[in-house]
N, C-alpha and C. Protein backbone atom coordinates (compact mmCIF):
# COMPACT_ATOMS: atom_id res chain seq x y z
N ALA A 1 15.54 2.07 -1.93
CA ALA A 1 16.38 3.21 -1.81
C ALA A 1 16.15 4.19 -2.95
N PHE A 2 16.31 5.40 -2.68
CA PHE A 2 16.14 6.45 -3.66
C PHE A 2 17.55 7.16 -3.87
N GLU A 3 17.97 7.37 -5.04
CA GLU A 3 19.19 8.12 -5.33
C GLU A 3 18.92 9.24 -6.23
N ASN A 4 18.94 10.44 -5.78
CA ASN A 4 18.78 11.65 -6.53
C ASN A 4 17.46 11.70 -7.34
N VAL A 5 16.40 11.15 -6.72
CA VAL A 5 15.18 10.97 -7.43
C VAL A 5 14.37 12.23 -7.58
N ALA A 6 13.86 12.43 -8.75
CA ALA A 6 12.96 13.58 -9.09
C ALA A 6 11.79 13.12 -9.74
N TYR A 7 10.67 13.90 -9.60
CA TYR A 7 9.44 13.46 -10.33
C TYR A 7 8.68 14.78 -10.73
N SER A 8 8.29 14.67 -11.92
CA SER A 8 7.50 15.81 -12.48
C SER A 8 6.21 15.37 -13.09
N TYR A 9 5.04 16.09 -12.89
CA TYR A 9 3.83 15.72 -13.49
C TYR A 9 3.66 16.55 -14.82
N GLY A 10 4.65 17.07 -15.34
CA GLY A 10 4.62 17.84 -16.57
C GLY A 10 4.91 19.29 -16.40
N GLY A 11 4.63 19.88 -15.25
CA GLY A 11 5.06 21.23 -15.03
C GLY A 11 6.38 21.21 -14.30
N GLY A 12 6.58 22.03 -13.24
CA GLY A 12 7.80 21.95 -12.57
C GLY A 12 7.91 20.63 -11.73
N GLU A 13 9.05 20.38 -11.27
CA GLU A 13 9.29 19.12 -10.54
C GLU A 13 8.56 19.19 -9.19
N LEU A 14 7.89 18.16 -8.81
CA LEU A 14 7.28 17.99 -7.56
C LEU A 14 8.24 17.53 -6.44
N LEU A 15 9.03 16.59 -6.85
CA LEU A 15 10.13 16.06 -5.99
C LEU A 15 11.38 16.29 -6.68
N THR A 16 12.47 16.75 -5.96
CA THR A 16 13.76 16.91 -6.44
C THR A 16 14.86 16.37 -5.60
N ASP A 17 15.80 15.72 -6.18
CA ASP A 17 17.02 15.36 -5.47
C ASP A 17 16.79 14.59 -4.18
N VAL A 18 15.79 13.58 -4.16
CA VAL A 18 15.55 12.81 -3.03
C VAL A 18 16.41 11.65 -3.01
N SER A 19 17.23 11.51 -1.84
CA SER A 19 18.09 10.33 -1.71
C SER A 19 17.88 9.83 -0.27
N LEU A 20 17.64 8.50 -0.21
CA LEU A 20 17.48 7.86 1.12
C LEU A 20 17.49 6.36 0.94
N ARG A 21 17.86 5.64 2.02
CA ARG A 21 17.86 4.25 2.08
C ARG A 21 17.13 3.81 3.32
N LEU A 22 16.06 3.05 3.28
CA LEU A 22 15.33 2.61 4.41
C LEU A 22 15.83 1.21 4.79
N ALA A 23 16.23 1.10 5.99
CA ALA A 23 16.70 -0.20 6.54
C ALA A 23 15.66 -1.14 6.95
N PRO A 24 15.90 -2.48 6.76
CA PRO A 24 14.90 -3.44 7.18
C PRO A 24 14.61 -3.27 8.66
N GLY A 25 13.29 -3.40 8.97
CA GLY A 25 12.89 -3.29 10.34
C GLY A 25 12.65 -1.87 10.83
N SER A 26 12.92 -0.85 9.90
CA SER A 26 12.73 0.53 10.37
C SER A 26 11.31 0.93 10.18
N PHE A 27 10.93 2.06 10.80
CA PHE A 27 9.62 2.63 10.84
C PHE A 27 9.72 4.15 10.55
N HIS A 28 9.01 4.63 9.60
CA HIS A 28 9.10 6.00 9.20
C HIS A 28 7.82 6.64 8.96
N PHE A 29 7.75 7.99 9.27
CA PHE A 29 6.66 8.74 8.90
C PHE A 29 7.07 9.86 7.94
N LEU A 30 6.24 10.17 7.01
CA LEU A 30 6.48 11.18 6.01
C LEU A 30 5.37 12.25 6.24
N THR A 31 5.72 13.42 6.56
CA THR A 31 4.83 14.41 6.80
C THR A 31 4.98 15.68 5.92
N GLY A 32 4.00 16.42 5.74
CA GLY A 32 4.12 17.65 4.91
C GLY A 32 2.71 18.12 4.54
N PRO A 33 2.60 19.37 3.95
CA PRO A 33 1.41 19.88 3.58
C PRO A 33 0.79 19.22 2.31
N SER A 34 -0.46 19.41 2.08
CA SER A 34 -1.14 18.83 0.94
C SER A 34 -0.35 19.39 -0.27
N GLY A 35 -0.17 18.46 -1.29
CA GLY A 35 0.43 18.79 -2.51
C GLY A 35 1.91 18.78 -2.47
N ALA A 36 2.48 18.36 -1.29
CA ALA A 36 3.95 18.36 -1.23
C ALA A 36 4.68 17.22 -1.92
N GLY A 37 3.92 16.13 -2.23
CA GLY A 37 4.48 15.02 -2.97
C GLY A 37 4.54 13.74 -2.18
N LYS A 38 3.84 13.70 -0.98
CA LYS A 38 3.83 12.49 -0.13
C LYS A 38 3.34 11.29 -0.85
N SER A 39 2.17 11.42 -1.50
CA SER A 39 1.57 10.29 -2.23
C SER A 39 2.41 9.91 -3.47
N THR A 40 2.95 10.93 -4.10
CA THR A 40 3.89 10.60 -5.20
C THR A 40 5.05 9.82 -4.74
N PHE A 41 5.65 10.22 -3.64
CA PHE A 41 6.81 9.48 -3.06
C PHE A 41 6.39 8.01 -2.82
N LEU A 42 5.25 7.78 -2.22
CA LEU A 42 4.81 6.40 -2.05
C LEU A 42 4.66 5.64 -3.33
N LYS A 43 4.00 6.32 -4.31
CA LYS A 43 3.83 5.66 -5.64
C LYS A 43 5.17 5.23 -6.33
N LEU A 44 6.19 6.07 -6.05
CA LEU A 44 7.51 5.77 -6.47
C LEU A 44 8.05 4.54 -5.73
N ALA A 45 7.70 4.43 -4.44
CA ALA A 45 8.26 3.36 -3.63
C ALA A 45 7.65 2.06 -3.93
N TYR A 46 6.46 2.04 -4.52
CA TYR A 46 5.83 0.72 -4.88
C TYR A 46 5.74 0.55 -6.41
N ALA A 47 6.49 1.37 -7.15
CA ALA A 47 6.62 1.28 -8.59
C ALA A 47 5.37 1.50 -9.44
N GLU A 48 4.47 2.29 -8.85
CA GLU A 48 3.32 2.73 -9.63
C GLU A 48 3.77 3.81 -10.62
N LEU A 49 4.79 4.57 -10.11
CA LEU A 49 5.42 5.61 -10.99
C LEU A 49 6.89 5.30 -11.10
N LYS A 50 7.42 5.80 -12.13
CA LYS A 50 8.93 5.75 -12.32
C LYS A 50 9.43 7.18 -12.25
N PRO A 51 10.69 7.39 -11.62
CA PRO A 51 11.16 8.73 -11.48
C PRO A 51 11.45 9.35 -12.90
N THR A 52 11.26 10.66 -12.94
CA THR A 52 11.72 11.37 -14.12
C THR A 52 13.22 11.53 -14.21
N SER A 53 13.92 11.48 -13.08
CA SER A 53 15.34 11.33 -13.05
C SER A 53 15.76 10.70 -11.73
N GLY A 54 16.97 10.17 -11.64
CA GLY A 54 17.41 9.43 -10.54
C GLY A 54 17.02 7.99 -10.60
N SER A 55 17.28 7.25 -9.48
CA SER A 55 16.99 5.86 -9.47
C SER A 55 16.31 5.39 -8.27
N VAL A 56 15.41 4.42 -8.39
CA VAL A 56 14.70 3.82 -7.26
C VAL A 56 15.12 2.32 -7.30
N THR A 57 15.58 1.83 -6.14
CA THR A 57 15.93 0.44 -6.01
C THR A 57 14.94 -0.27 -4.98
N LEU A 58 14.28 -1.31 -5.47
CA LEU A 58 13.28 -2.04 -4.64
C LEU A 58 13.90 -3.45 -4.34
N PHE A 59 14.10 -3.77 -3.16
CA PHE A 59 14.65 -5.10 -2.75
C PHE A 59 15.86 -5.47 -3.59
N ASP A 60 16.80 -4.47 -3.56
CA ASP A 60 18.09 -4.62 -4.23
C ASP A 60 17.99 -4.74 -5.80
N ARG A 61 16.90 -4.35 -6.42
CA ARG A 61 16.80 -4.36 -7.82
C ARG A 61 16.33 -2.94 -8.26
N ALA A 62 17.14 -2.47 -9.33
CA ALA A 62 16.83 -1.17 -9.84
C ALA A 62 15.45 -1.17 -10.55
N LEU A 63 14.59 -0.26 -10.25
CA LEU A 63 13.28 -0.09 -10.81
C LEU A 63 13.42 -0.07 -12.36
N GLY A 64 14.31 0.65 -12.83
CA GLY A 64 14.43 0.83 -14.30
C GLY A 64 14.73 -0.42 -15.03
N SER A 65 15.24 -1.50 -14.38
CA SER A 65 15.64 -2.71 -14.94
C SER A 65 14.44 -3.78 -14.91
N LEU A 66 13.38 -3.48 -14.06
CA LEU A 66 12.33 -4.45 -13.89
C LEU A 66 11.36 -4.47 -15.05
N THR A 67 10.97 -5.63 -15.43
CA THR A 67 9.90 -5.79 -16.42
C THR A 67 8.60 -5.64 -15.79
N ARG A 68 7.46 -5.62 -16.53
CA ARG A 68 6.21 -5.40 -15.98
C ARG A 68 5.85 -6.60 -15.02
N ASP A 69 6.34 -7.84 -15.42
CA ASP A 69 6.09 -9.06 -14.61
C ASP A 69 6.93 -8.98 -13.30
N ASP A 70 8.16 -8.40 -13.44
CA ASP A 70 9.01 -8.18 -12.23
C ASP A 70 8.34 -7.25 -11.26
N VAL A 71 7.75 -6.12 -11.82
CA VAL A 71 7.17 -5.16 -10.94
C VAL A 71 5.97 -5.84 -10.13
N ALA A 72 5.17 -6.64 -10.88
CA ALA A 72 4.02 -7.31 -10.24
C ALA A 72 4.49 -8.32 -9.15
N ARG A 73 5.59 -9.00 -9.37
CA ARG A 73 6.16 -9.91 -8.39
C ARG A 73 6.74 -9.12 -7.22
N THR A 74 7.30 -8.04 -7.45
CA THR A 74 7.82 -7.17 -6.43
C THR A 74 6.76 -6.63 -5.50
N ARG A 75 5.62 -6.18 -6.16
CA ARG A 75 4.48 -5.64 -5.37
C ARG A 75 3.81 -6.70 -4.42
N ARG A 76 4.08 -7.98 -4.73
CA ARG A 76 3.60 -9.00 -3.82
C ARG A 76 4.26 -8.97 -2.48
N ARG A 77 5.34 -8.31 -2.46
CA ARG A 77 6.13 -8.21 -1.17
C ARG A 77 5.80 -6.93 -0.45
N ILE A 78 4.93 -6.06 -0.90
CA ILE A 78 4.64 -4.77 -0.46
C ILE A 78 3.09 -4.75 -0.10
N GLY A 79 2.78 -4.42 1.18
CA GLY A 79 1.37 -4.14 1.64
C GLY A 79 1.15 -2.70 1.43
N ILE A 80 0.05 -2.33 0.83
CA ILE A 80 -0.21 -0.94 0.45
C ILE A 80 -1.54 -0.61 1.05
N VAL A 81 -1.66 0.60 1.65
CA VAL A 81 -2.88 1.17 2.12
C VAL A 81 -3.09 2.47 1.42
N HIS A 82 -4.00 2.53 0.48
CA HIS A 82 -4.15 3.72 -0.30
C HIS A 82 -5.04 4.69 0.47
N GLN A 83 -4.84 5.93 0.17
CA GLN A 83 -5.52 7.07 0.89
C GLN A 83 -7.02 6.94 0.68
N ASP A 84 -7.43 6.46 -0.49
CA ASP A 84 -8.91 6.34 -0.77
C ASP A 84 -9.46 4.94 -0.63
N CYS A 85 -8.82 4.03 0.05
CA CYS A 85 -9.35 2.69 0.37
C CYS A 85 -9.99 2.00 -0.83
N LYS A 86 -9.17 1.59 -1.72
CA LYS A 86 -9.72 0.90 -2.95
C LYS A 86 -10.24 -0.50 -2.66
N PHE A 87 -11.48 -0.70 -3.04
CA PHE A 87 -12.15 -1.96 -2.89
C PHE A 87 -13.03 -2.30 -4.08
N LEU A 88 -13.26 -3.59 -4.41
CA LEU A 88 -14.18 -3.95 -5.42
C LEU A 88 -15.55 -3.95 -4.73
N ASP A 89 -16.45 -3.02 -5.13
CA ASP A 89 -17.69 -2.84 -4.42
C ASP A 89 -18.73 -3.97 -4.58
N HIS A 90 -18.55 -4.91 -5.55
CA HIS A 90 -19.42 -5.99 -5.77
C HIS A 90 -19.08 -7.18 -5.03
N MET A 91 -17.94 -7.15 -4.32
CA MET A 91 -17.36 -8.30 -3.56
C MET A 91 -17.53 -8.03 -2.03
N THR A 92 -17.72 -9.04 -1.32
CA THR A 92 -17.85 -8.93 0.15
C THR A 92 -16.51 -8.41 0.76
N LEU A 93 -16.59 -7.96 1.97
CA LEU A 93 -15.36 -7.60 2.61
C LEU A 93 -14.42 -8.72 2.73
N ALA A 94 -14.85 -9.93 3.12
CA ALA A 94 -14.00 -11.08 3.21
C ALA A 94 -13.27 -11.39 1.88
N ALA A 95 -14.09 -11.31 0.76
CA ALA A 95 -13.52 -11.57 -0.53
C ALA A 95 -12.44 -10.53 -0.98
N ASN A 96 -12.79 -9.21 -0.61
CA ASN A 96 -11.80 -8.19 -0.86
C ASN A 96 -10.47 -8.45 -0.07
N MET A 97 -10.69 -8.80 1.25
CA MET A 97 -9.54 -8.95 2.05
C MET A 97 -8.63 -10.18 1.48
N ALA A 98 -9.24 -11.11 0.85
CA ALA A 98 -8.50 -12.33 0.29
C ALA A 98 -7.87 -12.07 -0.99
N LEU A 99 -8.13 -10.97 -1.67
CA LEU A 99 -7.45 -10.69 -2.96
C LEU A 99 -5.99 -10.73 -2.93
N PRO A 100 -5.27 -10.23 -1.94
CA PRO A 100 -3.82 -10.42 -2.00
C PRO A 100 -3.37 -11.96 -2.06
N PHE A 101 -4.08 -12.82 -1.53
CA PHE A 101 -3.75 -14.24 -1.72
C PHE A 101 -3.94 -14.62 -3.14
N THR A 102 -4.90 -14.18 -3.85
CA THR A 102 -5.20 -14.50 -5.29
C THR A 102 -4.02 -14.04 -6.15
N VAL A 103 -3.50 -12.84 -5.91
CA VAL A 103 -2.43 -12.31 -6.78
C VAL A 103 -1.03 -12.89 -6.34
N SER A 104 -1.00 -13.50 -5.11
CA SER A 104 0.36 -14.01 -4.73
C SER A 104 0.34 -15.61 -4.89
N ASP A 105 -0.72 -16.15 -5.50
CA ASP A 105 -0.75 -17.55 -5.69
C ASP A 105 -0.70 -18.35 -4.42
N ARG A 106 -1.23 -17.86 -3.35
CA ARG A 106 -1.23 -18.44 -1.97
C ARG A 106 -2.66 -18.71 -1.61
N GLU A 107 -2.86 -19.71 -0.79
CA GLU A 107 -4.20 -20.01 -0.30
C GLU A 107 -4.56 -19.28 0.95
N SER A 108 -5.67 -18.70 1.05
CA SER A 108 -6.02 -18.00 2.29
C SER A 108 -6.43 -19.06 3.36
N ASP A 109 -6.15 -18.73 4.60
CA ASP A 109 -6.55 -19.55 5.72
C ASP A 109 -7.76 -18.91 6.38
N ALA A 110 -8.87 -19.67 6.50
CA ALA A 110 -10.09 -19.10 7.06
C ALA A 110 -9.76 -18.63 8.57
N GLN A 111 -9.07 -19.40 9.26
CA GLN A 111 -8.80 -18.92 10.64
C GLN A 111 -8.00 -17.65 10.66
N ASP A 112 -7.05 -17.58 9.77
CA ASP A 112 -6.23 -16.29 9.79
C ASP A 112 -7.18 -15.06 9.35
N MET A 113 -8.06 -15.30 8.43
CA MET A 113 -8.94 -14.29 7.92
C MET A 113 -9.86 -13.92 9.09
N ASP A 114 -10.37 -14.86 9.80
CA ASP A 114 -11.22 -14.55 10.92
C ASP A 114 -10.43 -13.79 12.05
N ASP A 115 -9.26 -14.18 12.29
CA ASP A 115 -8.48 -13.58 13.29
C ASP A 115 -8.16 -12.13 13.03
N LEU A 116 -7.82 -11.86 11.71
CA LEU A 116 -7.48 -10.54 11.22
C LEU A 116 -8.72 -9.58 11.22
N LEU A 117 -9.85 -10.16 10.84
CA LEU A 117 -11.03 -9.30 10.88
C LEU A 117 -11.42 -8.96 12.29
N GLY A 118 -11.12 -9.90 13.21
CA GLY A 118 -11.37 -9.66 14.70
C GLY A 118 -10.40 -8.59 15.23
N TRP A 119 -9.21 -8.64 14.74
CA TRP A 119 -8.15 -7.69 15.10
C TRP A 119 -8.51 -6.29 14.81
N VAL A 120 -9.21 -6.07 13.60
CA VAL A 120 -9.57 -4.67 13.31
C VAL A 120 -11.01 -4.46 13.61
N GLY A 121 -11.68 -5.35 14.35
CA GLY A 121 -13.02 -5.18 14.76
C GLY A 121 -14.11 -5.18 13.70
N LEU A 122 -13.87 -6.01 12.68
CA LEU A 122 -14.76 -6.04 11.51
C LEU A 122 -15.32 -7.51 11.25
N LYS A 123 -15.23 -8.41 12.18
CA LYS A 123 -15.60 -9.76 11.97
C LYS A 123 -17.13 -9.87 11.62
N HIS A 124 -17.91 -8.98 12.28
CA HIS A 124 -19.36 -8.89 12.02
C HIS A 124 -19.71 -8.42 10.64
N LEU A 125 -18.69 -7.82 9.83
CA LEU A 125 -18.94 -7.30 8.55
C LEU A 125 -18.35 -8.22 7.36
N ALA A 126 -17.93 -9.29 7.72
CA ALA A 126 -17.22 -10.21 6.72
C ALA A 126 -18.05 -10.35 5.42
N ASP A 127 -19.38 -10.34 5.51
CA ASP A 127 -20.28 -10.60 4.38
C ASP A 127 -20.80 -9.28 3.81
N ALA A 128 -20.41 -8.18 4.36
CA ALA A 128 -20.85 -6.85 3.93
C ALA A 128 -20.18 -6.44 2.58
N LEU A 129 -20.81 -5.71 1.84
CA LEU A 129 -20.24 -5.04 0.68
C LEU A 129 -19.59 -3.72 1.06
N PRO A 130 -18.46 -3.31 0.43
CA PRO A 130 -17.84 -2.08 0.89
C PRO A 130 -18.76 -0.90 0.85
N PRO A 131 -19.67 -0.63 -0.04
CA PRO A 131 -20.55 0.52 0.05
C PRO A 131 -21.45 0.60 1.33
N GLN A 132 -21.62 -0.53 1.91
CA GLN A 132 -22.40 -0.63 3.19
C GLN A 132 -21.54 -0.26 4.42
N MET A 133 -20.32 -0.07 4.22
CA MET A 133 -19.37 0.19 5.38
C MET A 133 -19.11 1.66 5.50
N SER A 134 -18.84 2.14 6.73
CA SER A 134 -18.49 3.50 6.91
C SER A 134 -16.98 3.75 6.47
N GLY A 135 -16.53 4.95 6.35
CA GLY A 135 -15.22 5.29 5.91
C GLY A 135 -14.19 4.68 6.94
N GLY A 136 -14.49 4.71 8.22
CA GLY A 136 -13.55 4.11 9.25
C GLY A 136 -13.46 2.66 9.08
N GLU A 137 -14.53 1.99 8.83
CA GLU A 137 -14.58 0.54 8.64
C GLU A 137 -13.79 0.18 7.41
N ARG A 138 -13.97 0.88 6.32
CA ARG A 138 -13.21 0.62 5.10
C ARG A 138 -11.70 0.84 5.33
N GLN A 139 -11.33 1.89 6.06
CA GLN A 139 -9.95 2.18 6.41
C GLN A 139 -9.31 1.05 7.22
N ARG A 140 -10.05 0.60 8.21
CA ARG A 140 -9.53 -0.59 9.02
C ARG A 140 -9.42 -1.82 8.14
N ALA A 141 -10.32 -2.06 7.22
CA ALA A 141 -10.24 -3.20 6.34
C ALA A 141 -8.98 -3.03 5.41
N ALA A 142 -8.76 -1.83 4.99
CA ALA A 142 -7.55 -1.68 4.13
C ALA A 142 -6.28 -1.92 4.87
N LEU A 143 -6.25 -1.57 6.13
CA LEU A 143 -5.07 -1.78 6.97
C LEU A 143 -4.89 -3.31 7.15
N ALA A 144 -5.97 -4.00 7.44
CA ALA A 144 -5.86 -5.50 7.58
C ALA A 144 -5.46 -6.13 6.23
N ARG A 145 -5.98 -5.69 5.12
CA ARG A 145 -5.67 -6.28 3.89
C ARG A 145 -4.20 -6.09 3.54
N ALA A 146 -3.62 -4.98 3.95
CA ALA A 146 -2.19 -4.68 3.70
C ALA A 146 -1.25 -5.66 4.41
N VAL A 147 -1.69 -6.24 5.52
CA VAL A 147 -0.80 -7.10 6.32
C VAL A 147 -1.19 -8.53 6.19
N ILE A 148 -2.17 -8.84 5.47
CA ILE A 148 -2.73 -10.23 5.41
C ILE A 148 -1.74 -11.21 4.83
N VAL A 149 -0.84 -10.89 3.91
CA VAL A 149 0.03 -11.95 3.41
C VAL A 149 1.46 -11.73 3.99
N ASP A 150 1.58 -11.03 5.15
CA ASP A 150 2.78 -10.80 5.80
C ASP A 150 3.89 -10.23 4.89
N PRO A 151 3.63 -9.03 4.26
CA PRO A 151 4.55 -8.46 3.35
C PRO A 151 5.90 -8.06 4.03
N ASP A 152 6.91 -7.87 3.18
CA ASP A 152 8.20 -7.35 3.65
C ASP A 152 8.15 -5.91 4.02
N VAL A 153 7.30 -5.16 3.37
CA VAL A 153 7.22 -3.75 3.56
C VAL A 153 5.73 -3.30 3.54
N ILE A 154 5.42 -2.34 4.41
CA ILE A 154 4.01 -1.82 4.38
C ILE A 154 4.10 -0.30 4.07
N LEU A 155 3.45 0.22 3.01
CA LEU A 155 3.39 1.55 2.70
C LEU A 155 1.91 2.04 2.87
N ALA A 156 1.79 3.14 3.62
CA ALA A 156 0.43 3.59 3.87
C ALA A 156 0.36 5.08 3.66
N ASP A 157 -0.73 5.44 2.91
CA ASP A 157 -0.92 6.87 2.61
C ASP A 157 -2.11 7.39 3.43
N GLU A 158 -1.85 8.07 4.53
CA GLU A 158 -2.83 8.55 5.50
C GLU A 158 -3.69 7.36 6.01
N PRO A 159 -3.13 6.38 6.55
CA PRO A 159 -3.86 5.24 6.93
C PRO A 159 -4.80 5.30 8.09
N THR A 160 -4.74 6.38 8.85
CA THR A 160 -5.64 6.55 10.01
C THR A 160 -6.57 7.73 9.80
N GLY A 161 -6.60 8.30 8.57
CA GLY A 161 -7.40 9.48 8.31
C GLY A 161 -8.85 9.34 8.62
N ASN A 162 -9.46 8.20 8.41
CA ASN A 162 -10.90 7.98 8.66
C ASN A 162 -11.16 7.12 9.91
N VAL A 163 -10.21 6.73 10.65
CA VAL A 163 -10.37 5.79 11.79
C VAL A 163 -10.53 6.57 12.97
N ASP A 164 -11.51 6.07 13.89
CA ASP A 164 -11.73 6.65 15.26
C ASP A 164 -10.44 6.50 16.03
N TRP A 165 -10.29 7.38 17.03
CA TRP A 165 -9.17 7.41 17.82
C TRP A 165 -8.95 6.05 18.48
N GLU A 166 -10.03 5.35 19.03
CA GLU A 166 -9.85 4.10 19.68
C GLU A 166 -9.28 3.06 18.70
């Protein structure tokens, strides 16, 4: 939930007086021109940024009251697809995909990993390094990684920008 949220990067405010509450099970699109604040809005929604005014509540807890460890625990409940598909280039696709398990102290299931890679059409690239993959393949991998631990919320910043229509 956002209550009268504003955010400024030092100049004028980019976001002002944003208030909304997203219900469980709901699905939303945020559209607007480049520079309108869409990525900033998402960063506020997963606590990478704190508002310059107003309040953000994540899973019924005020962002302002969360410690650094609380923020890390909260992010375990959020699947994130970044606009620029962040991967560790020295690790295979399968290892990158398994990273959410590492930070959530859960064990990955080889069959689940195989199924998920198949779902996004990347099973044949499990041992590939990210620099060896196309932009669309990296984007599909990022989508799969965002859902691998069955998060409560998925936030995606232009998740289909590099993906083929099919």
